[in-house]
Amino acid sequence: MILKLVFLIITCVPLLLFDLVNFRKENSHAKLIYASLLLAVIYLSSIFVFELRWPNLYDAADFLLGAPARLIVEFLHVTPQ
């Protein structure tokens, strides 16, 4: 866990510091988008660091695209004769 936290700090802190320099010049729409992306990064980073069993992006993709993908695979499945 400590190694993951150190890795996260080494990768994210320089990016956030660089973004904060340019953040003040942006309009409110860009700030809203940046804040929503930052919330997603914090959520997924906490799952990564603390090894939590919370829903992640794979679960969301499976929920949205899983049933149609299974139907396509079932449609294309050919039984050997």
C-alpha atoms as a PDB file:
ATOM      1  CA  MET A   1       0.000   0.000   0.000  1.00  0.00           C
ATOM      2  CA  ILE A   2       2.814   2.422   0.833  1.00  0.00           C
ATOM      3  CA  LEU A   3       4.498   1.746  -2.505  1.00  0.00           C
ATOM      4  CA  LYS A   4       1.251   2.457  -4.369  1.00  0.00           C
ATOM      5  CA  LEU A   5       0.758   5.670  -2.405  1.00  0.00           C
ATOM      6  CA  VAL A   6       4.306   6.830  -3.158  1.00  0.00           C
ATOM      7  CA  PHE A   7       3.802   6.033  -6.852  1.00  0.00           C
ATOM      8  CA  LEU A   8       0.554   7.991  -6.866  1.00  0.00           C
ATOM      9  CA  ILE A   9       2.148  10.986  -5.164  1.00  0.00           C
ATOM     10  CA  ILE A  10       5.121  10.965  -7.540  1.00  0.00           C
ATOM     11  CA  THR A  11       2.873  10.901 -10.602  1.00  0.00           C
ATOM     12  CA  CYS A  12      -0.038  13.117  -9.565  1.00  0.00           C
ATOM     13  CA  VAL A  13       1.486  15.946  -7.522  1.00  0.00           C
ATOM     14  CA  PRO A  14       3.612  17.403 -10.361  1.00  0.00           C
ATOM     15  CA  LEU A  15       0.625  17.249 -12.697  1.00  0.00           C
ATOM     16  CA  LEU A  16      -1.634  18.996 -10.214  1.00  0.00           C
ATOM     17  CA  LEU A  17       0.959  21.685  -9.486  1.00  0.00           C
ATOM     18  CA  PHE A  18       1.394  22.360 -13.193  1.00  0.00           C
ATOM     19  CA  ASP A  19      -2.373  22.542 -13.678  1.00  0.00           C
ATOM     20  CA  LEU A  20      -2.872  24.907 -10.745  1.00  0.00           C
ATOM     21  CA  VAL A  21      -0.634  27.474 -12.442  1.00  0.00           C
ATOM     22  CA  ASN A  22      -2.932  27.549 -15.473  1.00  0.00           C
ATOM     23  CA  PHE A  23      -6.163  26.919 -13.563  1.00  0.00           C
ATOM     24  CA  ARG A  24      -6.840  30.536 -12.594  1.00  0.00           C
ATOM     25  CA  LYS A  25      -7.011  31.688 -16.219  1.00  0.00           C
ATOM     26  CA  GLU A  26      -9.696  29.187 -17.241  1.00  0.00           C
ATOM     27  CA  ASN A  27     -13.421  29.885 -17.489  1.00  0.00           C
ATOM     28  CA  SER A  28     -16.024  28.299 -15.221  1.00  0.00           C
ATOM     29  CA  HIS A  29     -16.961  25.615 -17.748  1.00  0.00           C
ATOM     30  CA  ALA A  30     -13.381  24.354 -17.945  1.00  0.00           C
ATOM     31  CA  LYS A  31     -13.093  24.463 -14.152  1.00  0.00           C
ATOM     32  CA  LEU A  32     -16.243  22.329 -13.812  1.00  0.00           C
ATOM     33  CA  ILE A  33     -14.900  19.731 -16.245  1.00  0.00           C
ATOM     34  CA  TYR A  34     -11.535  19.690 -14.476  1.00  0.00           C
ATOM     35  CA  ALA A  35     -13.206  19.251 -11.089  1.00  0.00           C
ATOM     36  CA  SER A  36     -15.314  16.341 -12.327  1.00  0.00           C
ATOM     37  CA  LEU A  37     -12.251  14.637 -13.789  1.00  0.00           C
ATOM     38  CA  LEU A  38     -10.371  15.245 -10.550  1.00  0.00           C
ATOM     39  CA  LEU A  39     -13.166  13.574  -8.565  1.00  0.00           C
ATOM     40  CA  ALA A  40     -12.966  10.537 -10.838  1.00  0.00           C
ATOM     41  CA  VAL A  41      -9.190  10.402 -10.388  1.00  0.00           C
ATOM     42  CA  ILE A  42      -9.510  10.613  -6.606  1.00  0.00           C
ATOM     43  CA  TYR A  43     -12.135   7.841  -6.574  1.00  0.00           C
ATOM     44  CA  LEU A  44     -10.140   5.487  -8.789  1.00  0.00           C
ATOM     45  CA  SER A  45      -6.885   6.299  -6.970  1.00  0.00           C
ATOM     46  CA  SER A  46      -8.419   5.436  -3.622  1.00  0.00           C
ATOM     47  CA  ILE A  47      -9.547   2.083  -5.058  1.00  0.00           C
ATOM     48  CA  PHE A  48      -5.997   1.503  -6.339  1.00  0.00           C
ATOM     49  CA  VAL A  49      -4.152   2.492  -3.172  1.00  0.00           C
ATOM     50  CA  PHE A  50      -6.410   0.943  -0.542  1.00  0.00           C
ATOM     51  CA  GLU A  51      -7.387  -2.106  -2.671  1.00  0.00           C
ATOM     52  CA  LEU A  52     -11.093  -1.482  -2.128  1.00  0.00           C
ATOM     53  CA  ARG A  53     -13.768  -3.672  -3.714  1.00  0.00           C
ATOM     54  CA  TRP A  54     -15.825  -0.719  -4.980  1.00  0.00           C
ATOM     55  CA  PRO A  55     -17.246  -0.481  -8.507  1.00  0.00           C
ATOM     56  CA  ASN A  56     -14.693   0.691 -11.051  1.00  0.00           C
ATOM     57  CA  LEU A  57     -14.664   1.534 -14.761  1.00  0.00           C
ATOM     58  CA  TYR A  58     -14.774  -2.122 -15.807  1.00  0.00           C
ATOM     59  CA  ASP A  59     -17.988  -2.625 -13.826  1.00  0.00           C
ATOM     60  CA  ALA A  60     -19.554   0.447 -15.442  1.00  0.00           C
ATOM     61  CA  ALA A  61     -18.604  -0.765 -18.939  1.00  0.00           C
ATOM     62  CA  ASP A  62     -19.945  -4.227 -18.169  1.00  0.00           C
ATOM     63  CA  PHE A  63     -23.214  -2.736 -16.919  1.00  0.00           C
ATOM     64  CA  LEU A  64     -23.656  -0.571 -20.024  1.00  0.00           C
ATOM     65  CA  LEU A  65     -22.251  -2.842 -22.735  1.00  0.00           C
ATOM     66  CA  GLY A  66     -22.285  -6.337 -21.227  1.00  0.00           C
ATOM     67  CA  ALA A  67     -25.713  -7.519 -22.327  1.00  0.00           C
ATOM     68  CA  PRO A  68     -25.402  -6.318 -25.956  1.00  0.00           C
ATOM     69  CA  ALA A  69     -21.900  -7.813 -26.190  1.00  0.00           C
ATOM     70  CA  ARG A  70     -23.118 -11.173 -24.887  1.00  0.00           C
ATOM     71  CA  LEU A  71     -25.988 -11.122 -27.413  1.00  0.00           C
ATOM     72  CA  ILE A  72     -23.562 -10.438 -30.270  1.00  0.00           C
ATOM     73  CA  VAL A  73     -21.248 -13.250 -29.158  1.00  0.00           C
ATOM     74  CA  GLU A  74     -24.193 -15.627 -28.837  1.00  0.00           C
ATOM     75  CA  PHE A  75     -25.425 -14.632 -32.304  1.00  0.00           C
ATOM     76  CA  LEU A  76     -22.000 -15.205 -33.864  1.00  0.00           C
ATOM     77  CA  HIS A  77     -21.325 -18.473 -32.050  1.00  0.00           C
ATOM     78  CA  VAL A  78     -21.115 -21.401 -34.455  1.00  0.00           C
ATOM     79  CA  THR A  79     -21.460 -24.940 -33.187  1.00  0.00           C
ATOM     80  CA  PRO A  80     -19.068 -27.428 -34.794  1.00  0.00           C
ATOM     81  CA  GLN A  81     -20.679 -30.158 -36.889  1.00  0.00           C
END
